[in-house]
Structure formats: structure tokens, C-alpha cells
Amino acid sequence: MIITTTPQIEGKKVKSYLGLVSGEAIMGADIIKDLFAGIRNIVGGRAAAYEQELRRAKEIAIAEMTESANGLGANAVIGVDLDYETLGQGGNMLMVSASGTAVKYEDA
């Protein structure tokens, strides 16, 4: 399945728009606490463990979005947007969400 942030796929023609699809991943307080406790692996001002956890949350959100698109019979998701939000009291949770438009395309 093609996943793209662009509103179209070069060389392809959108045959039908199937609807909005999304996926979310939420990192709880314990995960964030553990990450900050283990942040001693900072290299060059970057927290590698935290970045790795964010990447994993992004992959989960995209996978859920893709699964929703598959359920609609899509072969691509266009206009994908990724958002990162803090939730809960004191921002003790982090949510990563991915959303886009599920489409069926054909070669142009």
C-alpha cells in the first residue's frame, strides 16, 4: 500500500475516495517515566531511547491507519498527517496520531 503526505500519487489516477482513516498510539506515564529515567544515553544533545520510542509510536499509528484503509478496500492513503500531543494531567502521556484519505488508484 502506498502511504504519502502528498494529495496525489505521481503517475497514478485516484479512481475513488473511500474516506478518512486514522490510527493512534498512546505512550503512558510509566513509559515516559522509564524513558526519562534511562535518558543517560543522550548523545550529542539527543535522547536516543526517547526518539526510538517516538518512532515506535509513529509506526504503530501508521500501521493502524493502514489497517483501516485495507478494511475499506484502499490501495493507498494520501494526504497523511502525523500529530504529536501530550495528554493527561501534567502531560504525562504522549499520543501520536496518523490520518489521511483512503483511496483506490489506478495507473494513469
Protein backbone atom coordinates (compact mmCIF):
# COMPACT_ATOMS: atom_id res chain seq x y z
CA MET A 1 0.00 0.00 0.00
CA ILE A 2 1.26 3.47 -0.86
CA ILE A 3 1.30 5.91 2.07
CA THR A 4 2.07 9.52 1.17
CA THR A 5 1.79 13.01 2.61
CA THR A 6 1.05 14.41 -0.84
CA PRO A 7 -2.53 14.94 -2.11
CA GLN A 8 -1.89 12.74 -5.15
CA ILE A 9 0.39 9.96 -6.35
CA GLU A 10 2.58 10.83 -9.29
CA GLY A 11 1.84 8.60 -12.27
CA LYS A 12 -1.39 7.30 -10.70
CA LYS A 13 -5.00 8.39 -11.03
CA VAL A 14 -7.29 8.31 -8.00
CA LYS A 15 -10.27 6.20 -9.03
CA SER A 16 -12.27 6.60 -5.81
CA TYR A 17 -12.01 8.33 -2.45
CA LEU A 18 -13.02 5.91 0.30
CA GLY A 19 -12.90 8.17 3.34
CA LEU A 20 -10.82 9.40 6.23
CA VAL A 21 -8.70 6.85 8.07
CA SER A 22 -6.66 7.28 11.22
CA GLY A 23 -4.57 5.44 13.76
CA GLU A 24 -3.30 6.36 17.21
CA ALA A 25 -0.65 5.23 19.64
CA ILE A 26 -0.53 6.45 23.23
CA MET A 27 2.55 6.20 25.42
CA GLY A 28 1.56 6.06 29.08
CA ALA A 29 3.14 7.72 32.09
CA ASP A 30 5.20 4.65 33.01
CA ILE A 31 6.82 4.52 29.59
CA ILE A 32 7.71 8.20 29.68
CA LYS A 33 8.96 7.92 33.28
CA ASP A 34 11.12 4.93 32.30
CA LEU A 35 12.45 6.81 29.30
CA PHE A 36 13.43 9.83 31.36
CA ALA A 37 15.00 7.57 33.98
CA GLY A 38 17.09 5.97 31.23
CA ILE A 39 17.91 9.16 29.40
CA ARG A 40 21.54 8.77 30.33
CA ASN A 41 22.14 7.57 26.80
CA ILE A 42 22.00 11.13 25.47
CA VAL A 43 24.48 11.59 22.66
CA GLY A 44 25.11 14.97 21.12
CA GLY A 45 22.09 16.52 22.86
CA ARG A 46 19.70 13.79 21.62
CA ALA A 47 17.84 11.25 23.74
CA ALA A 48 18.16 8.07 21.67
CA ALA A 49 15.77 5.95 23.79
CA TYR A 50 13.06 8.62 23.66
CA GLU A 51 13.47 9.05 19.90
CA GLN A 52 13.24 5.28 19.45
CA GLU A 53 10.01 5.15 21.46
CA LEU A 54 8.54 8.01 19.41
CA ARG A 55 9.45 6.16 16.20
CA ARG A 56 7.76 3.04 17.52
CA ALA A 57 4.60 5.01 18.40
CA LYS A 58 4.61 6.56 14.91
CA GLU A 59 4.93 3.11 13.30
CA ILE A 60 2.01 1.81 15.39
CA ALA A 61 -0.19 4.78 14.42
CA ILE A 62 0.63 4.35 10.71
CA ALA A 63 0.01 0.59 10.91
CA GLU A 64 -3.43 1.17 12.48
CA MET A 65 -4.26 3.76 9.81
CA THR A 66 -3.15 1.34 7.07
CA GLU A 67 -5.27 -1.44 8.58
CA SER A 68 -8.33 0.85 8.49
CA ALA A 69 -7.61 1.69 4.85
CA ASN A 70 -7.29 -2.01 3.99
CA GLY A 71 -10.69 -2.57 5.57
CA LEU A 72 -12.17 -0.05 3.15
CA GLY A 73 -10.53 -1.75 0.15
CA ALA A 74 -7.98 1.02 -0.41
CA ASN A 75 -4.63 0.56 -2.09
CA ALA A 76 -3.22 3.91 -0.91
CA VAL A 77 -3.57 6.59 1.75
CA ILE A 78 -2.90 10.15 0.59
CA GLY A 79 -2.58 13.46 2.43
CA VAL A 80 -1.18 11.74 5.52
CA ASP A 81 -0.65 13.97 8.55
CA LEU A 82 1.21 12.99 11.73
CA ASP A 83 0.44 14.75 15.01
CA TYR A 84 2.08 14.53 18.43
CA GLU A 85 0.09 15.60 21.51
CA THR A 86 0.57 15.43 25.26
CA LEU A 87 -2.41 14.19 27.28
CA GLY A 88 -3.38 13.83 30.92
CA GLN A 89 -2.58 15.88 33.98
CA GLY A 90 0.85 17.37 33.66
CA GLY A 91 1.23 15.98 30.15
CA ASN A 92 2.14 12.53 31.47
CA MET A 93 1.00 10.77 28.29
CA LEU A 94 2.01 11.24 24.68
CA MET A 95 -0.26 10.48 21.73
CA VAL A 96 0.91 10.05 18.16
CA SER A 97 -1.83 10.08 15.55
CA ALA A 98 -1.74 9.47 11.81
CA SER A 99 -4.61 10.38 9.50
CA GLY A 100 -5.18 10.55 5.77
CA THR A 101 -7.60 9.79 2.96
CA ALA A 102 -8.01 6.18 1.86
CA VAL A 103 -8.20 5.89 -1.93
CA LYS A 104 -8.22 3.40 -4.77
CA TYR A 105 -5.84 4.35 -7.55
CA GLU A 106 -5.02 3.06 -10.99
CA ASP A 107 -2.07 3.70 -13.29
CA ALA A 108 -2.56 6.93 -15.22
